[in-house]
Amino acid sequence: MEEVVRDRDAMIAAMDPVLRNGRFIFCTTASEAVARACREAAIGMFVEAEGQSFLLPAERARALGFETDQEMCQITLNVHSALDGVGLTAAVATVLAACDIPCNMVAAYHHDHVFVPAASAPAALAALLDLQRAHA
């Protein structure tokens, strides 16, 4: 089992960002029928007051009729960051903001995932690798 990392600098030094294959869409629906169709393909979901939100592969989102003009790429931070660790998300968001790259962070149990506009993905990955090297 991977060691859980809590220290801010250690999380950043070990984050090992990797750009994953594929394009993804954040979408939402209040329709239970559409939500059922989304669940099987979703890589993430969240229930909000306004409806269910999904993170879908772009092809599936397109097939379900969602707007797909904001395709995102996924960068996984491969450090097993502690759920109560402080500072990793802030450091990532700060360095990307300095590069004028918007990001959406998704924290899962084992890793954090950064979703950035597809056109910005190479620059985002380069910035995160620079951040990691600066903390090594």
Foldseek 3Di string as FASTA:
>chain_A
DADADAEQLVLLLQQPKDWDDAWKDKDFDQDPVLVVQQVVAFPDWDQDPVGIITIGGLVSCVVSPHDRPQIKTKIKRQHQYQPPHPDNVVVLCVLCVVVVWDWDWDDDRGTIMIITGPVCVVVSVVSSVVSNVVSD
